[in-house]
């Protein structure tokens, strides 16, 4: 069985989401939602996490988490495992509640963190549950703008500081920022991304990503998420000079995980030729 890529380090920020098994509801009523929020509070405190946003939907949830100690997987096992037991016990059921492992997109701070916060805040609007995100009680947005009590685990400081040093002005500008996104709410859940950030941010994560490439259970597309494109490797000068081309071919296959067929198709060479080059037979 494959398992999703986990990049964990102190200070990492993640958009985490988890769905019910076979799209079944994971929250039947408000008691379930309150139970889940209470579990978030104890987990965030125990693992020293910060929460920048959350949203509890019918059959899934979203969290925007900052892990101060690089312990995402450990804490998420606690959240999903404990909640499953509580849910099953309360509703007299058994078996899996969640659909496989949780998904996590690592997020760069600044612009990207703000965008994901807005996306999570607008999830109930996008899903047609409410016309106004402030009307949905089970997301962080009403608490962020002061319409309901703020859970102990929810932090507003960094988000609001991006809009103004004065709290009342910051709240109004953050509110406007979220509402401005209603027409173009961007899905970071369905685009298959595993890192959401600038090219430099992805490059800075390269040493951490490199360690994951040796873990065979992680899908190949995730192990090599930050690898360069073939067109960037085989420049006109590289493709013309045979020794440089062959060295690049070996790098593509051995270091970046491209298949023989992928490289051969790009260079208009048969995959057996690529194999010989990789094995230094040519």
C-alpha atoms as a PDB file:
ATOM      1  CA  UNK A   1       0.000   0.000   0.000  1.00  0.00           C
ATOM      2  CA  UNK A   2       1.278   3.474  -0.851  1.00  0.00           C
ATOM      3  CA  UNK A   3       1.292   6.235   1.680  1.00  0.00           C
ATOM      4  CA  UNK A   4       1.241   9.969   1.081  1.00  0.00           C
ATOM      5  CA  UNK A   5       4.305  12.150   1.244  1.00  0.00           C
ATOM      6  CA  UNK A   6       4.984  13.599   4.689  1.00  0.00           C
ATOM      7  CA  UNK A   7       7.411  16.495   4.937  1.00  0.00           C
ATOM      8  CA  UNK A   8       7.834  17.263   8.622  1.00  0.00           C
ATOM      9  CA  UNK A   9      10.080  19.857  10.243  1.00  0.00           C
ATOM     10  CA  UNK A  10       9.721  22.428  13.047  1.00  0.00           C
ATOM     11  CA  UNK A  11       7.649  25.402  11.938  1.00  0.00           C
ATOM     12  CA  UNK A  12       6.019  23.653   8.971  1.00  0.00           C
ATOM     13  CA  UNK A  13       2.520  24.770   7.971  1.00  0.00           C
ATOM     14  CA  UNK A  14      -0.033  22.388   6.455  1.00  0.00           C
ATOM     15  CA  UNK A  15      -3.453  22.404   4.903  1.00  0.00           C
ATOM     16  CA  UNK A  16      -4.812  19.128   6.261  1.00  0.00           C
ATOM     17  CA  UNK A  17      -8.052  17.533   5.130  1.00  0.00           C
ATOM     18  CA  UNK A  18      -9.657  14.167   5.756  1.00  0.00           C
ATOM     19  CA  UNK A  19     -12.833  12.638   4.318  1.00  0.00           C
ATOM     20  CA  UNK A  20     -15.289  10.079   5.564  1.00  0.00           C
ATOM     21  CA  UNK A  21     -14.920   6.527   4.293  1.00  0.00           C
ATOM     22  CA  UNK A  22     -16.956   6.154   1.077  1.00  0.00           C
ATOM     23  CA  UNK A  23     -17.909   9.832   1.537  1.00  0.00           C
ATOM     24  CA  UNK A  24     -20.035   8.975   4.568  1.00  0.00           C
ATOM     25  CA  UNK A  25     -20.725  11.706   7.140  1.00  0.00           C
ATOM     26  CA  UNK A  26     -18.173  12.140   9.890  1.00  0.00           C
ATOM     27  CA  UNK A  27     -20.366  14.633  11.767  1.00  0.00           C
ATOM     28  CA  UNK A  28     -23.982  13.604  12.361  1.00  0.00           C
ATOM     29  CA  UNK A  29     -24.947  16.460  14.659  1.00  0.00           C
ATOM     30  CA  UNK A  30     -23.595  19.337  16.710  1.00  0.00           C
ATOM     31  CA  UNK A  31     -22.524  17.037  19.531  1.00  0.00           C
ATOM     32  CA  UNK A  32     -20.139  15.333  17.120  1.00  0.00           C
ATOM     33  CA  UNK A  33     -18.785  18.698  16.006  1.00  0.00           C
ATOM     34  CA  UNK A  34     -18.284  19.881  19.576  1.00  0.00           C
ATOM     35  CA  UNK A  35     -16.547  16.596  20.401  1.00  0.00           C
ATOM     36  CA  UNK A  36     -14.189  17.108  17.471  1.00  0.00           C
ATOM     37  CA  UNK A  37     -13.414  20.716  18.430  1.00  0.00           C
ATOM     38  CA  UNK A  38     -12.709  19.640  21.995  1.00  0.00           C
ATOM     39  CA  UNK A  39     -10.336  16.978  20.668  1.00  0.00           C
ATOM     40  CA  UNK A  40      -8.595  19.598  18.519  1.00  0.00           C
ATOM     41  CA  UNK A  41      -8.069  21.729  21.602  1.00  0.00           C
ATOM     42  CA  UNK A  42      -6.394  18.985  23.616  1.00  0.00           C
ATOM     43  CA  UNK A  43      -4.324  17.770  20.658  1.00  0.00           C
ATOM     44  CA  UNK A  44      -3.081  21.209  19.683  1.00  0.00           C
ATOM     45  CA  UNK A  45      -2.062  21.873  23.271  1.00  0.00           C
ATOM     46  CA  UNK A  46      -0.303  18.526  23.685  1.00  0.00           C
ATOM     47  CA  UNK A  47       1.644  18.689  20.418  1.00  0.00           C
ATOM     48  CA  UNK A  48       2.307  22.438  20.555  1.00  0.00           C
ATOM     49  CA  UNK A  49       0.480  23.226  17.331  1.00  0.00           C
ATOM     50  CA  UNK A  50      -1.031  26.490  16.151  1.00  0.00           C
ATOM     51  CA  UNK A  51      -4.303  26.580  14.224  1.00  0.00           C
ATOM     52  CA  UNK A  52      -4.702  29.322  11.613  1.00  0.00           C
ATOM     53  CA  UNK A  53      -8.068  28.060  10.302  1.00  0.00           C
ATOM     54  CA  UNK A  54     -10.491  25.157  10.489  1.00  0.00           C
ATOM     55  CA  UNK A  55     -13.786  24.101   8.936  1.00  0.00           C
ATOM     56  CA  UNK A  56     -15.965  21.115   9.808  1.00  0.00           C
ATOM     57  CA  UNK A  57     -18.141  19.997   6.903  1.00  0.00           C
ATOM     58  CA  UNK A  58     -20.544  17.065   6.735  1.00  0.00           C
ATOM     59  CA  UNK A  59     -18.240  14.369   5.398  1.00  0.00           C
ATOM     60  CA  UNK A  60     -14.823  16.027   5.735  1.00  0.00           C
ATOM     61  CA  UNK A  61     -12.862  18.656   7.602  1.00  0.00           C
ATOM     62  CA  UNK A  62     -10.113  21.178   6.867  1.00  0.00           C
ATOM     63  CA  UNK A  63      -7.339  22.360   9.184  1.00  0.00           C
ATOM     64  CA  UNK A  64      -4.593  24.920   8.646  1.00  0.00           C
ATOM     65  CA  UNK A  65      -1.903  23.808  11.092  1.00  0.00           C
ATOM     66  CA  UNK A  66       1.506  25.118  12.094  1.00  0.00           C
ATOM     67  CA  UNK A  67       3.611  22.473  13.827  1.00  0.00           C
ATOM     68  CA  UNK A  68       6.267  24.001  16.053  1.00  0.00           C
ATOM     69  CA  UNK A  69       8.014  20.664  16.595  1.00  0.00           C
ATOM     70  CA  UNK A  70       7.594  18.864  13.254  1.00  0.00           C
ATOM     71  CA  UNK A  71       5.204  16.204  14.547  1.00  0.00           C
ATOM     72  CA  UNK A  72       2.254  16.293  12.131  1.00  0.00           C
ATOM     73  CA  UNK A  73       1.752  12.548  11.640  1.00  0.00           C
ATOM     74  CA  UNK A  74       1.819  11.789  15.346  1.00  0.00           C
ATOM     75  CA  UNK A  75      -0.798  14.391  16.152  1.00  0.00           C
ATOM     76  CA  UNK A  76      -3.055  13.482  13.239  1.00  0.00           C
ATOM     77  CA  UNK A  77      -3.088   9.844  14.310  1.00  0.00           C
ATOM     78  CA  UNK A  78      -4.332  11.105  17.665  1.00  0.00           C
ATOM     79  CA  UNK A  79      -7.079  13.249  16.133  1.00  0.00           C
ATOM     80  CA  UNK A  80      -8.460  10.745  13.633  1.00  0.00           C
ATOM     81  CA  UNK A  81      -7.966   7.708  15.855  1.00  0.00           C
ATOM     82  CA  UNK A  82      -9.554   9.113  18.994  1.00  0.00           C
ATOM     83  CA  UNK A  83     -12.410  10.748  17.114  1.00  0.00           C
ATOM     84  CA  UNK A  84     -13.198   7.505  15.285  1.00  0.00           C
ATOM     85  CA  UNK A  85     -13.478   5.651  18.582  1.00  0.00           C
ATOM     86  CA  UNK A  86     -15.690   8.359  20.088  1.00  0.00           C
ATOM     87  CA  UNK A  87     -17.893   8.528  16.990  1.00  0.00           C
ATOM     88  CA  UNK A  88     -18.295   4.752  16.731  1.00  0.00           C
ATOM     89  CA  UNK A  89     -19.096   4.391  20.398  1.00  0.00           C
ATOM     90  CA  UNK A  90     -21.684   7.170  20.345  1.00  0.00           C
ATOM     91  CA  UNK A  91     -23.412   5.972  17.168  1.00  0.00           C
ATOM     92  CA  UNK A  92     -23.113   2.254  17.926  1.00  0.00           C
ATOM     93  CA  UNK A  93     -21.041   1.450  14.862  1.00  0.00           C
ATOM     94  CA  UNK A  94     -17.642  -0.075  14.093  1.00  0.00           C
ATOM     95  CA  UNK A  95     -14.949   0.013  11.457  1.00  0.00           C
ATOM     96  CA  UNK A  96     -13.167   2.789   9.620  1.00  0.00           C
ATOM     97  CA  UNK A  97     -14.618   6.274   9.751  1.00  0.00           C
ATOM     98  CA  UNK A  98     -12.088   8.068   7.550  1.00  0.00           C
ATOM     99  CA  UNK A  99     -11.131   7.318   3.965  1.00  0.00           C
ATOM    100  CA  UNK A 100      -7.539   6.164   4.199  1.00  0.00           C
ATOM    101  CA  UNK A 101      -4.860   8.473   5.540  1.00  0.00           C
ATOM    102  CA  UNK A 102      -5.302  12.184   5.881  1.00  0.00           C
ATOM    103  CA  UNK A 103      -3.949  14.432   3.144  1.00  0.00           C
ATOM    104  CA  UNK A 104      -1.615  17.309   3.872  1.00  0.00           C
ATOM    105  CA  UNK A 105      -0.357  20.094   1.623  1.00  0.00           C
ATOM    106  CA  UNK A 106       2.658  21.932   2.982  1.00  0.00           C
ATOM    107  CA  UNK A 107       2.086  25.683   2.701  1.00  0.00           C
ATOM    108  CA  UNK A 108       4.477  28.597   2.435  1.00  0.00           C
ATOM    109  CA  UNK A 109       3.815  31.473   4.804  1.00  0.00           C
ATOM    110  CA  UNK A 110       2.802  34.953   3.572  1.00  0.00           C
ATOM    111  CA  UNK A 111       0.630  34.996   0.430  1.00  0.00           C
ATOM    112  CA  UNK A 112       0.019  31.257   0.304  1.00  0.00           C
ATOM    113  CA  UNK A 113      -1.007  30.957   3.942  1.00  0.00           C
ATOM    114  CA  UNK A 114      -3.518  33.759   3.457  1.00  0.00           C
ATOM    115  CA  UNK A 115      -4.917  32.116   0.326  1.00  0.00           C
ATOM    116  CA  UNK A 116      -5.444  28.762   2.045  1.00  0.00           C
ATOM    117  CA  UNK A 117      -7.078  30.489   5.013  1.00  0.00           C
ATOM    118  CA  UNK A 118      -9.494  32.155   2.611  1.00  0.00           C
ATOM    119  CA  UNK A 119     -10.171  28.887   0.801  1.00  0.00           C
ATOM    120  CA  UNK A 120     -11.007  27.122   4.073  1.00  0.00           C
ATOM    121  CA  UNK A 121     -13.196  30.018   5.224  1.00  0.00           C
ATOM    122  CA  UNK A 122     -15.155  29.876   1.962  1.00  0.00           C
ATOM    123  CA  UNK A 123     -15.603  26.101   1.862  1.00  0.00           C
ATOM    124  CA  UNK A 124     -19.191  26.229   3.220  1.00  0.00           C
ATOM    125  CA  UNK A 125     -20.076  28.845   0.587  1.00  0.00           C
ATOM    126  CA  UNK A 126     -18.486  26.836  -2.210  1.00  0.00           C
ATOM    127  CA  UNK A 127     -20.429  23.770  -1.038  1.00  0.00           C
ATOM    128  CA  UNK A 128     -23.724  25.663  -1.053  1.00  0.00           C
ATOM    129  CA  UNK A 129     -24.378  25.394   2.674  1.00  0.00           C
ATOM    130  CA  UNK A 130     -24.533  29.152   3.306  1.00  0.00           C
ATOM    131  CA  UNK A 131     -24.339  32.283   1.149  1.00  0.00           C
ATOM    132  CA  UNK A 132     -22.170  34.070   3.699  1.00  0.00           C
ATOM    133  CA  UNK A 133     -19.148  32.454   5.423  1.00  0.00           C
ATOM    134  CA  UNK A 134     -19.948  34.392   8.592  1.00  0.00           C
ATOM    135  CA  UNK A 135     -23.175  32.379   8.895  1.00  0.00           C
ATOM    136  CA  UNK A 136     -21.385  29.050   9.212  1.00  0.00           C
ATOM    137  CA  UNK A 137     -20.721  28.369  12.891  1.00  0.00           C
ATOM    138  CA  UNK A 138     -18.406  25.399  12.387  1.00  0.00           C
ATOM    139  CA  UNK A 139     -15.528  27.212  10.762  1.00  0.00           C
ATOM    140  CA  UNK A 140     -12.934  29.566  12.198  1.00  0.00           C
ATOM    141  CA  UNK A 141     -14.095  32.544  10.126  1.00  0.00           C
ATOM    142  CA  UNK A 142     -16.796  33.879  12.517  1.00  0.00           C
ATOM    143  CA  UNK A 143     -14.304  33.723  15.401  1.00  0.00           C
ATOM    144  CA  UNK A 144     -11.599  35.369  13.289  1.00  0.00           C
ATOM    145  CA  UNK A 145     -13.799  38.414  12.712  1.00  0.00           C
ATOM    146  CA  UNK A 146     -15.168  38.537  16.266  1.00  0.00           C
ATOM    147  CA  UNK A 147     -18.700  37.220  15.682  1.00  0.00           C
ATOM    148  CA  UNK A 148     -18.314  34.272  18.060  1.00  0.00           C
ATOM    149  CA  UNK A 149     -16.008  33.176  20.845  1.00  0.00           C
ATOM    150  CA  UNK A 150     -12.559  32.112  19.684  1.00  0.00           C
ATOM    151  CA  UNK A 151     -11.546  28.525  20.556  1.00  0.00           C
ATOM    152  CA  UNK A 152      -8.402  28.360  22.685  1.00  0.00           C
ATOM    153  CA  UNK A 153      -6.446  26.596  19.943  1.00  0.00           C
ATOM    154  CA  UNK A 154      -7.214  29.162  17.209  1.00  0.00           C
ATOM    155  CA  UNK A 155      -4.591  31.844  16.682  1.00  0.00           C
ATOM    156  CA  UNK A 156      -5.407  35.096  14.870  1.00  0.00           C
ATOM    157  CA  UNK A 157      -2.203  37.027  15.457  1.00  0.00           C
ATOM    158  CA  UNK A 158      -0.227  36.291  12.303  1.00  0.00           C
ATOM    159  CA  UNK A 159      -3.178  36.423   9.907  1.00  0.00           C
ATOM    160  CA  UNK A 160      -4.499  39.732  11.205  1.00  0.00           C
ATOM    161  CA  UNK A 161      -1.015  41.244  11.411  1.00  0.00           C
ATOM    162  CA  UNK A 162      -0.800  40.996   7.627  1.00  0.00           C
ATOM    163  CA  UNK A 163      -3.607  43.530   7.267  1.00  0.00           C
ATOM    164  CA  UNK A 164      -2.952  46.136   9.956  1.00  0.00           C
ATOM    165  CA  UNK A 165      -1.347  46.705  13.342  1.00  0.00           C
ATOM    166  CA  UNK A 166      -4.728  47.902  14.627  1.00  0.00           C
ATOM    167  CA  UNK A 167      -7.036  45.011  15.418  1.00  0.00           C
ATOM    168  CA  UNK A 168     -10.307  46.582  14.290  1.00  0.00           C
ATOM    169  CA  UNK A 169      -8.831  47.637  10.948  1.00  0.00           C
ATOM    170  CA  UNK A 170      -7.125  44.264  10.508  1.00  0.00           C
ATOM    171  CA  UNK A 171     -10.386  42.399  11.113  1.00  0.00           C
ATOM    172  CA  UNK A 172     -12.256  44.509   8.577  1.00  0.00           C
ATOM    173  CA  UNK A 173      -9.544  44.094   5.943  1.00  0.00           C
ATOM    174  CA  UNK A 174      -9.307  40.352   6.556  1.00  0.00           C
ATOM    175  CA  UNK A 175     -13.085  40.098   6.244  1.00  0.00           C
ATOM    176  CA  UNK A 176     -12.966  41.996   2.946  1.00  0.00           C
ATOM    177  CA  UNK A 177     -10.129  39.762   1.744  1.00  0.00           C
ATOM    178  CA  UNK A 178     -12.213  36.634   2.353  1.00  0.00           C
ATOM    179  CA  UNK A 179     -15.366  38.063   0.757  1.00  0.00           C
ATOM    180  CA  UNK A 180     -13.392  39.187  -2.289  1.00  0.00           C
ATOM    181  CA  UNK A 181     -12.577  35.538  -2.919  1.00  0.00           C
ATOM    182  CA  UNK A 182     -16.152  34.260  -3.117  1.00  0.00           C
ATOM    183  CA  UNK A 183     -16.310  34.507  -6.908  1.00  0.00           C
ATOM    184  CA  UNK A 184     -12.970  32.798  -7.463  1.00  0.00           C
ATOM    185  CA  UNK A 185     -12.595  30.451  -4.487  1.00  0.00           C
ATOM    186  CA  UNK A 186      -9.578  28.346  -5.433  1.00  0.00           C
ATOM    187  CA  UNK A 187      -9.447  24.639  -4.639  1.00  0.00           C
ATOM    188  CA  UNK A 188      -6.159  23.549  -3.125  1.00  0.00           C
ATOM    189  CA  UNK A 189      -7.668  20.199  -2.278  1.00  0.00           C
ATOM    190  CA  UNK A 190      -8.403  18.826  -5.724  1.00  0.00           C
ATOM    191  CA  UNK A 191      -5.388  19.952  -7.708  1.00  0.00           C
ATOM    192  CA  UNK A 192      -3.062  17.196  -6.508  1.00  0.00           C
ATOM    193  CA  UNK A 193      -0.557  19.590  -5.018  1.00  0.00           C
ATOM    194  CA  UNK A 194       1.705  18.540  -2.150  1.00  0.00           C
ATOM    195  CA  UNK A 195       3.626  21.772  -1.761  1.00  0.00           C
ATOM    196  CA  UNK A 196       1.945  25.151  -2.118  1.00  0.00           C
ATOM    197  CA  UNK A 197       4.508  27.894  -2.431  1.00  0.00           C
ATOM    198  CA  UNK A 198       7.014  29.729  -4.554  1.00  0.00           C
ATOM    199  CA  UNK A 199       9.775  28.095  -6.577  1.00  0.00           C
ATOM    200  CA  UNK A 200      12.309  29.240  -3.984  1.00  0.00           C
ATOM    201  CA  UNK A 201      10.249  27.700  -1.172  1.00  0.00           C
ATOM    202  CA  UNK A 202      10.169  24.374  -3.008  1.00  0.00           C
ATOM    203  CA  UNK A 203      13.893  24.588  -3.643  1.00  0.00           C
ATOM    204  CA  UNK A 204      14.544  25.193   0.055  1.00  0.00           C
ATOM    205  CA  UNK A 205      12.669  21.967   0.821  1.00  0.00           C
ATOM    206  CA  UNK A 206      14.851  19.952  -1.559  1.00  0.00           C
ATOM    207  CA  UNK A 207      17.102  18.425   1.172  1.00  0.00           C
ATOM    208  CA  UNK A 208      14.033  17.192   3.063  1.00  0.00           C
ATOM    209  CA  UNK A 209      12.393  15.906  -0.109  1.00  0.00           C
ATOM    210  CA  UNK A 210      15.553  14.036  -1.046  1.00  0.00           C
ATOM    211  CA  UNK A 211      15.297  11.834   2.041  1.00  0.00           C
ATOM    212  CA  UNK A 212      11.765  10.781   1.082  1.00  0.00           C
ATOM    213  CA  UNK A 213      12.863   9.472  -2.312  1.00  0.00           C
ATOM    214  CA  UNK A 214      14.328   6.341  -0.757  1.00  0.00           C
ATOM    215  CA  UNK A 215      10.991   5.391   0.841  1.00  0.00           C
ATOM    216  CA  UNK A 216       9.439   3.093  -1.754  1.00  0.00           C
ATOM    217  CA  UNK A 217       5.960   3.059  -0.204  1.00  0.00           C
ATOM    218  CA  UNK A 218       5.538   6.730  -1.133  1.00  0.00           C
ATOM    219  CA  UNK A 219       4.082   7.097  -4.650  1.00  0.00           C
ATOM    220  CA  UNK A 220       6.709   8.055  -7.246  1.00  0.00           C
ATOM    221  CA  UNK A 221       4.834  11.204  -8.272  1.00  0.00           C
ATOM    222  CA  UNK A 222       5.092  12.432  -4.674  1.00  0.00           C
ATOM    223  CA  UNK A 223       8.671  11.353  -4.045  1.00  0.00           C
ATOM    224  CA  UNK A 224       9.822  13.460  -6.980  1.00  0.00           C
ATOM    225  CA  UNK A 225       7.354  16.321  -6.610  1.00  0.00           C
ATOM    226  CA  UNK A 226      10.091  18.957  -6.857  1.00  0.00           C
ATOM    227  CA  UNK A 227      12.189  17.433  -9.657  1.00  0.00           C
ATOM    228  CA  UNK A 228      13.018  19.605 -12.679  1.00  0.00           C
ATOM    229  CA  UNK A 229      11.140  19.204 -15.945  1.00  0.00           C
ATOM    230  CA  UNK A 230      12.818  17.286 -18.769  1.00  0.00           C
ATOM    231  CA  UNK A 231      12.790  20.391 -20.958  1.00  0.00           C
ATOM    232  CA  UNK A 232      14.804  22.197 -18.278  1.00  0.00           C
ATOM    233  CA  UNK A 233      17.361  19.391 -18.070  1.00  0.00           C
ATOM    234  CA  UNK A 234      17.873  18.837 -21.773  1.00  0.00           C
ATOM    235  CA  UNK A 235      18.740  22.302 -23.003  1.00  0.00           C
ATOM    236  CA  UNK A 236      19.771  22.760 -26.630  1.00  0.00           C
ATOM    237  CA  UNK A 237      23.462  22.587 -25.710  1.00  0.00           C
ATOM    238  CA  UNK A 238      23.006  19.506 -23.517  1.00  0.00           C
ATOM    239  CA  UNK A 239      21.047  17.625 -26.163  1.00  0.00           C
ATOM    240  CA  UNK A 240      23.654  18.295 -28.864  1.00  0.00           C
ATOM    241  CA  UNK A 241      26.745  17.163 -26.946  1.00  0.00           C
ATOM    242  CA  UNK A 242      26.615  13.371 -26.532  1.00  0.00           C
ATOM    243  CA  UNK A 243      28.522  13.009 -23.258  1.00  0.00           C
ATOM    244  CA  UNK A 244      26.511  15.799 -21.648  1.00  0.00           C
ATOM    245  CA  UNK A 245      23.283  14.289 -22.962  1.00  0.00           C
ATOM    246  CA  UNK A 246      24.145  10.843 -21.606  1.00  0.00           C
ATOM    247  CA  UNK A 247      25.083  12.249 -18.215  1.00  0.00           C
ATOM    248  CA  UNK A 248      21.761  14.085 -18.121  1.00  0.00           C
ATOM    249  CA  UNK A 249      19.927  10.879 -19.056  1.00  0.00           C
ATOM    250  CA  UNK A 250      21.514   9.014 -16.152  1.00  0.00           C
ATOM    251  CA  UNK A 251      20.632  11.868 -13.804  1.00  0.00           C
ATOM    252  CA  UNK A 252      17.010  11.855 -14.979  1.00  0.00           C
ATOM    253  CA  UNK A 253      16.559   8.136 -14.378  1.00  0.00           C
ATOM    254  CA  UNK A 254      18.765   7.510 -11.340  1.00  0.00           C
ATOM    255  CA  UNK A 255      18.309  10.751  -9.404  1.00  0.00           C
ATOM    256  CA  UNK A 256      14.984  12.204 -10.516  1.00  0.00           C
ATOM    257  CA  UNK A 257      13.049   8.976 -11.051  1.00  0.00           C
ATOM    258  CA  UNK A 258      11.977   9.436 -14.661  1.00  0.00           C
ATOM    259  CA  UNK A 259      11.198   6.182 -16.463  1.00  0.00           C
ATOM    260  CA  UNK A 260      13.149   4.967 -19.485  1.00  0.00           C
ATOM    261  CA  UNK A 261      10.050   5.472 -21.623  1.00  0.00           C
ATOM    262  CA  UNK A 262       9.528   9.051 -20.435  1.00  0.00           C
ATOM    263  CA  UNK A 263      13.102  10.048 -21.242  1.00  0.00           C
ATOM    264  CA  UNK A 264      13.131   8.146 -24.526  1.00  0.00           C
ATOM    265  CA  UNK A 265       9.900   9.733 -25.691  1.00  0.00           C
ATOM    266  CA  UNK A 266      11.215  13.201 -24.862  1.00  0.00           C
ATOM    267  CA  UNK A 267      14.499  12.631 -26.740  1.00  0.00           C
ATOM    268  CA  UNK A 268      12.913  10.584 -29.542  1.00  0.00           C
ATOM    269  CA  UNK A 269      15.040   7.561 -28.601  1.00  0.00           C
ATOM    270  CA  UNK A 270      13.967   3.976 -27.950  1.00  0.00           C
ATOM    271  CA  UNK A 271      13.731   3.032 -24.274  1.00  0.00           C
ATOM    272  CA  UNK A 272      16.312   0.266 -24.801  1.00  0.00           C
ATOM    273  CA  UNK A 273      18.799   2.917 -25.923  1.00  0.00           C
ATOM    274  CA  UNK A 274      18.081   4.884 -22.767  1.00  0.00           C
ATOM    275  CA  UNK A 275      18.593   1.703 -20.735  1.00  0.00           C
ATOM    276  CA  UNK A 276      22.021   1.125 -22.282  1.00  0.00           C
ATOM    277  CA  UNK A 277      23.035   4.707 -21.555  1.00  0.00           C
ATOM    278  CA  UNK A 278      21.885   4.465 -17.942  1.00  0.00           C
ATOM    279  CA  UNK A 279      23.849   1.262 -17.536  1.00  0.00           C
ATOM    280  CA  UNK A 280      26.843   2.872 -19.285  1.00  0.00           C
ATOM    281  CA  UNK A 281      26.812   0.407 -22.155  1.00  0.00           C
ATOM    282  CA  UNK A 282      26.886   3.182 -24.742  1.00  0.00           C
END
